[in-house]
Amino acid sequence: MNWAKHNMNKNRNTQYRPEQILLYKQLRATRAHSELLMEYTIKYTDEQDRNMVAIVDIVDLTKREVFRINGAIHNTNKHEDKDWEQKVYLEKWGWKVTDIEV
């Protein structure tokens, strides 16, 4: 089990965030024929051939688009670098990445 999901389970946090649910509902209304999933895991490899994992807030599998909802924690240098690197690799592997700042 990956670290993020382990901590969610450990802390009994099985709820989706309100902003995540709101975006999911909006996407459902505008993309009725798309396969939309929340908390979706995408595995990819980086330039050093390391196996990496991205857990995206919402994914549209039909359009190969991921939605990342970025709160205040994403404004730290560590998270900005990680988010940027993750976006580069996801796009390299054919995903469109849409970041939403909250």
PDB file of N, CA and C in Angstrom:
ATOM      1  N   MET A   1       0.856  -1.172   0.000  1.00  0.00           N
ATOM      2  CA  MET A   1       0.000   0.000   0.000  1.00  0.00           C
ATOM      3  C   MET A   1       0.900   1.233   0.000  1.00  0.00           C
ATOM      4  N   ASN A   2       0.522   2.259  -0.770  1.00  0.00           N
ATOM      5  CA  ASN A   2       1.378   3.430  -0.819  1.00  0.00           C
ATOM      6  C   ASN A   2       1.205   4.305   0.416  1.00  0.00           C
ATOM      7  N   TRP A   3       2.160   5.208   0.609  1.00  0.00           N
ATOM      8  CA  TRP A   3       2.232   6.026   1.806  1.00  0.00           C
ATOM      9  C   TRP A   3       0.979   6.862   2.021  1.00  0.00           C
ATOM     10  N   ALA A   4       0.509   7.566   0.990  1.00  0.00           N
ATOM     11  CA  ALA A   4      -0.645   8.457   1.145  1.00  0.00           C
ATOM     12  C   ALA A   4      -1.896   7.676   1.527  1.00  0.00           C
ATOM     13  N   LYS A   5      -2.162   6.596   0.831  1.00  0.00           N
ATOM     14  CA  LYS A   5      -3.353   5.811   1.162  1.00  0.00           C
ATOM     15  C   LYS A   5      -3.217   5.144   2.527  1.00  0.00           C
ATOM     16  N   HIS A   6      -1.998   4.727   2.880  1.00  0.00           N
ATOM     17  CA  HIS A   6      -1.779   4.142   4.196  1.00  0.00           C
ATOM     18  C   HIS A   6      -2.140   5.154   5.283  1.00  0.00           C
ATOM     19  N   ASN A   7      -1.667   6.389   5.135  1.00  0.00           N
ATOM     20  CA  ASN A   7      -1.961   7.409   6.139  1.00  0.00           C
ATOM     21  C   ASN A   7      -3.441   7.781   6.154  1.00  0.00           C
ATOM     22  N   MET A   8      -4.083   7.772   5.003  1.00  0.00           N
ATOM     23  CA  MET A   8      -5.527   8.037   4.984  1.00  0.00           C
ATOM     24  C   MET A   8      -6.257   6.956   5.780  1.00  0.00           C
ATOM     25  N   ASN A   9      -5.886   5.704   5.549  1.00  0.00           N
ATOM     26  CA  ASN A   9      -6.536   4.606   6.267  1.00  0.00           C
ATOM     27  C   ASN A   9      -6.197   4.650   7.750  1.00  0.00           C
ATOM     28  N   LYS A  10      -4.937   4.916   8.059  1.00  0.00           N
ATOM     29  CA  LYS A  10      -4.486   4.971   9.442  1.00  0.00           C
ATOM     30  C   LYS A  10      -5.250   6.039  10.224  1.00  0.00           C
ATOM     31  N   ASN A  11      -5.481   7.175   9.590  1.00  0.00           N
ATOM     32  CA  ASN A  11      -6.180   8.278  10.241  1.00  0.00           C
ATOM     33  C   ASN A  11      -7.692   8.220  10.032  1.00  0.00           C
ATOM     34  N   ARG A  12      -8.149   7.097   9.500  1.00  0.00           N
ATOM     35  CA  ARG A  12      -9.565   6.894   9.212  1.00  0.00           C
ATOM     36  C   ARG A  12     -10.146   7.995   8.318  1.00  0.00           C
ATOM     37  N   ASN A  13      -9.309   8.520   7.440  1.00  0.00           N
ATOM     38  CA  ASN A  13      -9.741   9.554   6.518  1.00  0.00           C
ATOM     39  C   ASN A  13     -10.113   8.898   5.197  1.00  0.00           C
ATOM     40  N   THR A  14     -11.327   8.450   5.096  1.00  0.00           N
ATOM     41  CA  THR A  14     -11.792   7.829   3.873  1.00  0.00           C
ATOM     42  C   THR A  14     -12.732   8.764   3.124  1.00  0.00           C
ATOM     43  N   GLN A  15     -12.837   9.981   3.597  1.00  0.00           N
ATOM     44  CA  GLN A  15     -13.710  10.964   2.972  1.00  0.00           C
ATOM     45  C   GLN A  15     -12.947  11.727   1.899  1.00  0.00           C
ATOM     46  N   TYR A  16     -13.644  12.067   0.843  1.00  0.00           N
ATOM     47  CA  TYR A  16     -13.056  12.947  -0.155  1.00  0.00           C
ATOM     48  C   TYR A  16     -13.216  14.375   0.338  1.00  0.00           C
ATOM     49  N   ARG A  17     -12.314  15.243  -0.077  1.00  0.00           N
ATOM     50  CA  ARG A  17     -12.382  16.642   0.334  1.00  0.00           C
ATOM     51  C   ARG A  17     -13.563  17.334  -0.340  1.00  0.00           C
ATOM     52  N   PRO A  18     -14.165  18.319   0.308  1.00  0.00           N
ATOM     53  CA  PRO A  18     -15.333  18.997  -0.268  1.00  0.00           C
ATOM     54  C   PRO A  18     -15.057  19.583  -1.656  1.00  0.00           C
ATOM     55  N   GLU A  19     -13.892  20.186  -1.850  1.00  0.00           N
ATOM     56  CA  GLU A  19     -13.579  20.771  -3.152  1.00  0.00           C
ATOM     57  C   GLU A  19     -13.403  19.693  -4.220  1.00  0.00           C
ATOM     58  N   GLN A  20     -12.988  18.515  -3.802  1.00  0.00           N
ATOM     59  CA  GLN A  20     -12.829  17.390  -4.723  1.00  0.00           C
ATOM     60  C   GLN A  20     -14.214  16.892  -5.165  1.00  0.00           C
ATOM     61  N   ILE A  21     -15.110  16.777  -4.229  1.00  0.00           N
ATOM     62  CA  ILE A  21     -16.476  16.336  -4.551  1.00  0.00           C
ATOM     63  C   ILE A  21     -17.173  17.353  -5.452  1.00  0.00           C
ATOM     64  N   LEU A  22     -16.992  18.640  -5.156  1.00  0.00           N
ATOM     65  CA  LEU A  22     -17.609  19.689  -5.970  1.00  0.00           C
ATOM     66  C   LEU A  22     -17.103  19.627  -7.407  1.00  0.00           C
ATOM     67  N   LEU A  23     -15.792  19.507  -7.589  1.00  0.00           N
ATOM     68  CA  LEU A  23     -15.238  19.416  -8.938  1.00  0.00           C
ATOM     69  C   LEU A  23     -15.724  18.154  -9.640  1.00  0.00           C
ATOM     70  N   TYR A  24     -15.773  17.051  -8.917  1.00  0.00           N
ATOM     71  CA  TYR A  24     -16.262  15.798  -9.508  1.00  0.00           C
ATOM     72  C   TYR A  24     -17.684  15.970 -10.026  1.00  0.00           C
ATOM     73  N   LYS A  25     -18.542  16.606  -9.242  1.00  0.00           N
ATOM     74  CA  LYS A  25     -19.931  16.829  -9.658  1.00  0.00           C
ATOM     75  C   LYS A  25     -20.001  17.743 -10.879  1.00  0.00           C
ATOM     76  N   GLN A  26     -19.163  18.772 -10.907  1.00  0.00           N
ATOM     77  CA  GLN A  26     -19.142  19.671 -12.059  1.00  0.00           C
ATOM     78  C   GLN A  26     -18.683  18.932 -13.314  1.00  0.00           C
ATOM     79  N   LEU A  27     -17.666  18.115 -13.168  1.00  0.00           N
ATOM     80  CA  LEU A  27     -17.184  17.342 -14.315  1.00  0.00           C
ATOM     81  C   LEU A  27     -18.228  16.327 -14.770  1.00  0.00           C
ATOM     82  N   ARG A  28     -18.901  15.696 -13.824  1.00  0.00           N
ATOM     83  CA  ARG A  28     -19.965  14.739 -14.154  1.00  0.00           C
ATOM     84  C   ARG A  28     -21.042  15.405 -15.007  1.00  0.00           C
ATOM     85  N   ALA A  29     -21.365  16.656 -14.669  1.00  0.00           N
ATOM     86  CA  ALA A  29     -22.418  17.383 -15.392  1.00  0.00           C
ATOM     87  C   ALA A  29     -21.983  17.758 -16.807  1.00  0.00           C
ATOM     88  N   THR A  30     -20.693  18.014 -16.992  1.00  0.00           N
ATOM     89  CA  THR A  30     -20.217  18.457 -18.303  1.00  0.00           C
ATOM     90  C   THR A  30     -19.566  17.347 -19.125  1.00  0.00           C
ATOM     91  N   ARG A  31     -19.277  16.227 -18.497  1.00  0.00           N
ATOM     92  CA  ARG A  31     -18.617  15.112 -19.189  1.00  0.00           C
ATOM     93  C   ARG A  31     -19.380  13.812 -18.898  1.00  0.00           C
ATOM     94  N   ALA A  32     -20.614  13.822 -19.248  1.00  0.00           N
ATOM     95  CA  ALA A  32     -21.496  12.698 -18.915  1.00  0.00           C
ATOM     96  C   ALA A  32     -21.009  11.366 -19.489  1.00  0.00           C
ATOM     97  N   HIS A  33     -20.292  11.396 -20.588  1.00  0.00           N
ATOM     98  CA  HIS A  33     -19.868  10.150 -21.229  1.00  0.00           C
ATOM     99  C   HIS A  33     -18.426   9.762 -20.902  1.00  0.00           C
ATOM    100  N   SER A  34     -17.818  10.495 -19.988  1.00  0.00           N
ATOM    101  CA  SER A  34     -16.445  10.194 -19.593  1.00  0.00           C
ATOM    102  C   SER A  34     -16.430   9.273 -18.381  1.00  0.00           C
ATOM    103  N   GLU A  35     -15.365   8.483 -18.292  1.00  0.00           N
ATOM    104  CA  GLU A  35     -15.159   7.654 -17.109  1.00  0.00           C
ATOM    105  C   GLU A  35     -14.325   8.457 -16.117  1.00  0.00           C
ATOM    106  N   LEU A  36     -14.981   8.951 -15.069  1.00  0.00           N
ATOM    107  CA  LEU A  36     -14.344   9.795 -14.058  1.00  0.00           C
ATOM    108  C   LEU A  36     -14.150   9.001 -12.776  1.00  0.00           C
ATOM    109  N   LEU A  37     -12.961   9.114 -12.198  1.00  0.00           N
ATOM    110  CA  LEU A  37     -12.651   8.436 -10.938  1.00  0.00           C
ATOM    111  C   LEU A  37     -11.910   9.390 -10.021  1.00  0.00           C
ATOM    112  N   MET A  38     -12.100   9.229  -8.709  1.00  0.00           N
ATOM    113  CA  MET A  38     -11.389  10.039  -7.732  1.00  0.00           C
ATOM    114  C   MET A  38     -10.281   9.213  -7.078  1.00  0.00           C
ATOM    115  N   GLU A  39      -9.239   9.930  -6.643  1.00  0.00           N
ATOM    116  CA  GLU A  39      -8.091   9.296  -5.970  1.00  0.00           C
ATOM    117  C   GLU A  39      -7.521   8.161  -6.828  1.00  0.00           C
ATOM    118  N   TYR A  40      -7.202   8.482  -8.039  1.00  0.00           N
ATOM    119  CA  TYR A  40      -6.731   7.490  -9.003  1.00  0.00           C
ATOM    120  C   TYR A  40      -5.198   7.422  -8.986  1.00  0.00           C
ATOM    121  N   THR A  41      -4.663   6.235  -8.983  1.00  0.00           N
ATOM    122  CA  THR A  41      -3.219   6.020  -8.950  1.00  0.00           C
ATOM    123  C   THR A  41      -2.691   5.793 -10.357  1.00  0.00           C
ATOM    124  N   ILE A  42      -1.672   6.577 -10.718  1.00  0.00           N
ATOM    125  CA  ILE A  42      -0.999   6.425 -12.006  1.00  0.00           C
ATOM    126  C   ILE A  42       0.461   6.088 -11.726  1.00  0.00           C
ATOM    127  N   LYS A  43       0.929   4.995 -12.292  1.00  0.00           N
ATOM    128  CA  LYS A  43       2.328   4.595 -12.143  1.00  0.00           C
ATOM    129  C   LYS A  43       3.090   5.014 -13.391  1.00  0.00           C
ATOM    130  N   TYR A  44       4.308   5.516 -13.179  1.00  0.00           N
ATOM    131  CA  TYR A  44       5.146   5.941 -14.293  1.00  0.00           C
ATOM    132  C   TYR A  44       6.607   5.796 -13.884  1.00  0.00           C
ATOM    133  N   THR A  45       7.504   5.957 -14.849  1.00  0.00           N
ATOM    134  CA  THR A  45       8.936   5.922 -14.546  1.00  0.00           C
ATOM    135  C   THR A  45       9.548   7.279 -14.874  1.00  0.00           C
ATOM    136  N   ASP A  46      10.555   7.661 -14.084  1.00  0.00           N
ATOM    137  CA  ASP A  46      11.232   8.927 -14.339  1.00  0.00           C
ATOM    138  C   ASP A  46      12.480   8.679 -15.191  1.00  0.00           C
ATOM    139  N   GLU A  47      13.290   9.730 -15.373  1.00  0.00           N
ATOM    140  CA  GLU A  47      14.469   9.617 -16.233  1.00  0.00           C
ATOM    141  C   GLU A  47      15.517   8.634 -15.712  1.00  0.00           C
ATOM    142  N   GLN A  48      15.493   8.374 -14.412  1.00  0.00           N
ATOM    143  CA  GLN A  48      16.423   7.413 -13.836  1.00  0.00           C
ATOM    144  C   GLN A  48      15.810   6.008 -13.782  1.00  0.00           C
ATOM    145  N   ASP A  49      14.718   5.823 -14.484  1.00  0.00           N
ATOM    146  CA  ASP A  49      13.982   4.557 -14.517  1.00  0.00           C
ATOM    147  C   ASP A  49      13.492   4.110 -13.146  1.00  0.00           C
ATOM    148  N   ARG A  50      13.251   5.088 -12.271  1.00  0.00           N
ATOM    149  CA  ARG A  50      12.649   4.779 -10.964  1.00  0.00           C
ATOM    150  C   ARG A  50      11.145   4.693 -11.139  1.00  0.00           C
ATOM    151  N   ASN A  51      10.548   3.721 -10.464  1.00  0.00           N
ATOM    152  CA  ASN A  51       9.095   3.596 -10.483  1.00  0.00           C
ATOM    153  C   ASN A  51       8.500   4.651  -9.570  1.00  0.00           C
ATOM    154  N   MET A  52       7.603   5.463 -10.120  1.00  0.00           N
ATOM    155  CA  MET A  52       6.985   6.554  -9.388  1.00  0.00           C
ATOM    156  C   MET A  52       5.464   6.348  -9.379  1.00  0.00           C
ATOM    157  N   VAL A  53       4.816   7.016  -8.441  1.00  0.00           N
ATOM    158  CA  VAL A  53       3.364   6.921  -8.321  1.00  0.00           C
ATOM    159  C   VAL A  53       2.790   8.318  -8.139  1.00  0.00           C
ATOM    160  N   ALA A  54       1.741   8.607  -8.883  1.00  0.00           N
ATOM    161  CA  ALA A  54       0.990   9.850  -8.702  1.00  0.00           C
ATOM    162  C   ALA A  54      -0.434   9.458  -8.320  1.00  0.00           C
ATOM    163  N   ILE A  55      -0.909  10.020  -7.223  1.00  0.00           N
ATOM    164  CA  ILE A  55      -2.308   9.820  -6.850  1.00  0.00           C
ATOM    165  C   ILE A  55      -3.005  11.129  -7.164  1.00  0.00           C
ATOM    166  N   VAL A  56      -3.800  11.115  -8.214  1.00  0.00           N
ATOM    167  CA  VAL A  56      -4.452  12.349  -8.659  1.00  0.00           C
ATOM    168  C   VAL A  56      -5.843  12.440  -8.044  1.00  0.00           C
ATOM    169  N   ASP A  57      -6.290  13.666  -7.845  1.00  0.00           N
ATOM    170  CA  ASP A  57      -7.581  13.877  -7.196  1.00  0.00           C
ATOM    171  C   ASP A  57      -8.727  13.322  -8.038  1.00  0.00           C
ATOM    172  N   ILE A  58      -8.714  13.641  -9.323  1.00  0.00           N
ATOM    173  CA  ILE A  58      -9.752  13.150 -10.239  1.00  0.00           C
ATOM    174  C   ILE A  58      -9.096  12.846 -11.573  1.00  0.00           C
ATOM    175  N   VAL A  59      -9.536  11.790 -12.203  1.00  0.00           N
ATOM    176  CA  VAL A  59      -9.029  11.449 -13.528  1.00  0.00           C
ATOM    177  C   VAL A  59     -10.212  11.242 -14.462  1.00  0.00           C
ATOM    178  N   ASP A  60     -10.046  11.713 -15.687  1.00  0.00           N
ATOM    179  CA  ASP A  60     -10.979  11.421 -16.770  1.00  0.00           C
ATOM    180  C   ASP A  60     -10.255  10.428 -17.663  1.00  0.00           C
ATOM    181  N   LEU A  61     -10.564   9.157 -17.494  1.00  0.00           N
ATOM    182  CA  LEU A  61      -9.870   8.112 -18.258  1.00  0.00           C
ATOM    183  C   LEU A  61     -10.178   8.208 -19.740  1.00  0.00           C
ATOM    184  N   THR A  62     -11.368   8.662 -20.073  1.00  0.00           N
ATOM    185  CA  THR A  62     -11.772   8.770 -21.471  1.00  0.00           C
ATOM    186  C   THR A  62     -10.908   9.784 -22.213  1.00  0.00           C
ATOM    187  N   LYS A  63     -10.641  10.909 -21.568  1.00  0.00           N
ATOM    188  CA  LYS A  63      -9.866  11.981 -22.207  1.00  0.00           C
ATOM    189  C   LYS A  63      -8.403  12.004 -21.770  1.00  0.00           C
ATOM    190  N   ARG A  64      -8.003  11.040 -20.924  1.00  0.00           N
ATOM    191  CA  ARG A  64      -6.635  10.971 -20.387  1.00  0.00           C
ATOM    192  C   ARG A  64      -6.220  12.308 -19.786  1.00  0.00           C
ATOM    193  N   GLU A  65      -7.090  12.821 -18.907  1.00  0.00           N
ATOM    194  CA  GLU A  65      -6.818  14.087 -18.235  1.00  0.00           C
ATOM    195  C   GLU A  65      -6.898  13.891 -16.726  1.00  0.00           C
ATOM    196  N   VAL A  66      -5.922  14.452 -16.026  1.00  0.00           N
ATOM    197  CA  VAL A  66      -5.943  14.396 -14.567  1.00  0.00           C
ATOM    198  C   VAL A  66      -6.180  15.800 -14.024  1.00  0.00           C
ATOM    199  N   PHE A  67      -6.859  15.830 -12.897  1.00  0.00           N
ATOM    200  CA  PHE A  67      -7.139  17.087 -12.205  1.00  0.00           C
ATOM    201  C   PHE A  67      -6.484  17.010 -10.836  1.00  0.00           C
ATOM    202  N   ARG A  68      -5.637  18.001 -10.554  1.00  0.00           N
ATOM    203  CA  ARG A  68      -4.980  18.071  -9.267  1.00  0.00           C
ATOM    204  C   ARG A  68      -5.457  19.332  -8.562  1.00  0.00           C
ATOM    205  N   ILE A  69      -6.045  19.158  -7.398  1.00  0.00           N
ATOM    206  CA  ILE A  69      -6.540  20.282  -6.617  1.00  0.00           C
ATOM    207  C   ILE A  69      -5.454  20.643  -5.613  1.00  0.00           C
ATOM    208  N   ASN A  70      -4.896  21.824  -5.770  1.00  0.00           N
ATOM    209  CA  ASN A  70      -3.745  22.238  -4.983  1.00  0.00           C
ATOM    210  C   ASN A  70      -4.122  23.267  -3.930  1.00  0.00           C
ATOM    211  N   GLY A  71      -3.989  22.870  -2.674  1.00  0.00           N
ATOM    212  CA  GLY A  71      -4.222  23.772  -1.558  1.00  0.00           C
ATOM    213  C   GLY A  71      -2.919  24.427  -1.121  1.00  0.00           C
ATOM    214  N   ALA A  72      -2.943  25.049   0.035  1.00  0.00           N
ATOM    215  CA  ALA A  72      -1.795  25.811   0.537  1.00  0.00           C
ATOM    216  C   ALA A  72      -0.530  24.971   0.688  1.00  0.00           C
ATOM    217  N   ILE A  73      -0.664  23.704   1.030  1.00  0.00           N
ATOM    218  CA  ILE A  73       0.522  22.857   1.215  1.00  0.00           C
ATOM    219  C   ILE A  73       1.348  22.742  -0.065  1.00  0.00           C
ATOM    220  N   HIS A  74       0.704  22.925  -1.197  1.00  0.00           N
ATOM    221  CA  HIS A  74       1.405  22.808  -2.474  1.00  0.00           C
ATOM    222  C   HIS A  74       2.238  24.045  -2.795  1.00  0.00           C
ATOM    223  N   ASN A  75       2.175  25.077  -1.952  1.00  0.00           N
ATOM    224  CA  ASN A  75       2.932  26.307  -2.186  1.00  0.00           C
ATOM    225  C   ASN A  75       4.325  26.284  -1.571  1.00  0.00           C
ATOM    226  N   THR A  76       4.694  25.192  -0.922  1.00  0.00           N
ATOM    227  CA  THR A  76       6.045  25.092  -0.373  1.00  0.00           C
ATOM    228  C   THR A  76       6.999  24.681  -1.496  1.00  0.00           C
ATOM    229  N   ASN A  77       8.261  25.048  -1.347  1.00  0.00           N
ATOM    230  CA  ASN A  77       9.245  24.714  -2.387  1.00  0.00           C
ATOM    231  C   ASN A  77       9.295  23.220  -2.665  1.00  0.00           C
ATOM    232  N   LYS A  78       9.258  22.410  -1.607  1.00  0.00           N
ATOM    233  CA  LYS A  78       9.326  20.954  -1.767  1.00  0.00           C
ATOM    234  C   LYS A  78       8.151  20.452  -2.608  1.00  0.00           C
ATOM    235  N   HIS A  79       6.960  20.902  -2.294  1.00  0.00           N
ATOM    236  CA  HIS A  79       5.785  20.429  -3.029  1.00  0.00           C
ATOM    237  C   HIS A  79       5.719  21.009  -4.434  1.00  0.00           C
ATOM    238  N   GLU A  80       6.133  22.276  -4.591  1.00  0.00           N
ATOM    239  CA  GLU A  80       6.134  22.865  -5.931  1.00  0.00           C
ATOM    240  C   GLU A  80       7.056  22.084  -6.858  1.00  0.00           C
ATOM    241  N   ASP A  81       8.240  21.721  -6.374  1.00  0.00           N
ATOM    242  CA  ASP A  81       9.183  20.944  -7.186  1.00  0.00           C
ATOM    243  C   ASP A  81       8.611  19.569  -7.525  1.00  0.00           C
ATOM    244  N   LYS A  82       8.051  18.902  -6.520  1.00  0.00           N
ATOM    245  CA  LYS A  82       7.480  17.573  -6.734  1.00  0.00           C
ATOM    246  C   LYS A  82       6.311  17.640  -7.708  1.00  0.00           C
ATOM    247  N   ASP A  83       5.428  18.636  -7.526  1.00  0.00           N
ATOM    248  CA  ASP A  83       4.272  18.780  -8.412  1.00  0.00           C
ATOM    249  C   ASP A  83       4.696  19.054  -9.850  1.00  0.00           C
ATOM    250  N   TRP A  84       5.705  19.927 -10.009  1.00  0.00           N
ATOM    251  CA  TRP A  84       6.183  20.254 -11.349  1.00  0.00           C
ATOM    252  C   TRP A  84       6.771  19.019 -12.018  1.00  0.00           C
ATOM    253  N   GLU A  85       7.609  18.287 -11.281  1.00  0.00           N
ATOM    254  CA  GLU A  85       8.233  17.090 -11.839  1.00  0.00           C
ATOM    255  C   GLU A  85       7.177  16.051 -12.215  1.00  0.00           C
ATOM    256  N   GLN A  86       6.205  15.874 -11.332  1.00  0.00           N
ATOM    257  CA  GLN A  86       5.138  14.920 -11.599  1.00  0.00           C
ATOM    258  C   GLN A  86       4.359  15.317 -12.859  1.00  0.00           C
ATOM    259  N   LYS A  87       4.074  16.589 -13.002  1.00  0.00           N
ATOM    260  CA  LYS A  87       3.335  17.070 -14.184  1.00  0.00           C
ATOM    261  C   LYS A  87       4.114  16.789 -15.457  1.00  0.00           C
ATOM    262  N   VAL A  88       5.419  17.051 -15.432  1.00  0.00           N
ATOM    263  CA  VAL A  88       6.261  16.804 -16.603  1.00  0.00           C
ATOM    264  C   VAL A  88       6.169  15.346 -17.031  1.00  0.00           C
ATOM    265  N   TYR A  89       6.299  14.437 -16.072  1.00  0.00           N
ATOM    266  CA  TYR A  89       6.283  13.012 -16.414  1.00  0.00           C
ATOM    267  C   TYR A  89       4.901  12.532 -16.832  1.00  0.00           C
ATOM    268  N   LEU A  90       3.860  13.014 -16.173  1.00  0.00           N
ATOM    269  CA  LEU A  90       2.516  12.613 -16.583  1.00  0.00           C
ATOM    270  C   LEU A  90       2.242  13.052 -18.017  1.00  0.00           C
ATOM    271  N   GLU A  91       2.640  14.284 -18.339  1.00  0.00           N
ATOM    272  CA  GLU A  91       2.448  14.769 -19.709  1.00  0.00           C
ATOM    273  C   GLU A  91       3.299  13.978 -20.694  1.00  0.00           C
ATOM    274  N   LYS A  92       4.491  13.612 -20.280  1.00  0.00           N
ATOM    275  CA  LYS A  92       5.363  12.796 -21.131  1.00  0.00           C
ATOM    276  C   LYS A  92       4.693  11.463 -21.462  1.00  0.00           C
ATOM    277  N   TRP A  93       3.961  10.912 -20.501  1.00  0.00           N
ATOM    278  CA  TRP A  93       3.290   9.632 -20.691  1.00  0.00           C
ATOM    279  C   TRP A  93       1.889   9.784 -21.271  1.00  0.00           C
ATOM    280  N   GLY A  94       1.556  10.978 -21.761  1.00  0.00           N
ATOM    281  CA  GLY A  94       0.324  11.149 -22.525  1.00  0.00           C
ATOM    282  C   GLY A  94      -0.876  11.665 -21.755  1.00  0.00           C
ATOM    283  N   TRP A  95      -0.669  12.132 -20.529  1.00  0.00           N
ATOM    284  CA  TRP A  95      -1.777  12.679 -19.745  1.00  0.00           C
ATOM    285  C   TRP A  95      -1.806  14.193 -19.875  1.00  0.00           C
ATOM    286  N   LYS A  96      -2.994  14.751 -19.950  1.00  0.00           N
ATOM    287  CA  LYS A  96      -3.159  16.191 -19.825  1.00  0.00           C
ATOM    288  C   LYS A  96      -3.348  16.469 -18.338  1.00  0.00           C
ATOM    289  N   VAL A  97      -2.595  17.434 -17.798  1.00  0.00           N
ATOM    290  CA  VAL A  97      -2.665  17.750 -16.376  1.00  0.00           C
ATOM    291  C   VAL A  97      -3.301  19.115 -16.185  1.00  0.00           C
ATOM    292  N   THR A  98      -4.374  19.153 -15.436  1.00  0.00           N
ATOM    293  CA  THR A  98      -5.043  20.408 -15.110  1.00  0.00           C
ATOM    294  C   THR A  98      -4.921  20.640 -13.618  1.00  0.00           C
ATOM    295  N   ASP A  99      -4.231  21.714 -13.242  1.00  0.00           N
ATOM    296  CA  ASP A  99      -4.068  22.076 -11.846  1.00  0.00           C
ATOM    297  C   ASP A  99      -5.106  23.129 -11.476  1.00  0.00           C
ATOM    298  N   ILE A 100      -5.705  22.940 -10.324  1.00  0.00           N
ATOM    299  CA  ILE A 100      -6.705  23.870  -9.827  1.00  0.00           C
ATOM    300  C   ILE A 100      -6.249  24.347  -8.446  1.00  0.00           C
ATOM    301  N   GLU A 101      -6.040  25.639  -8.330  1.00  0.00           N
ATOM    302  CA  GLU A 101      -5.585  26.217  -7.069  1.00  0.00           C
ATOM    303  C   GLU A 101      -6.805  26.575  -6.216  1.00  0.00           C
ATOM    304  N   VAL A 102      -6.772  26.179  -4.937  1.00  0.00           N
ATOM    305  CA  VAL A 102      -7.856  26.533  -4.018  1.00  0.00           C
ATOM    306  C   VAL A 102      -7.300  27.252  -2.816  1.00  0.00           C
TER     307      VAL A 102
END
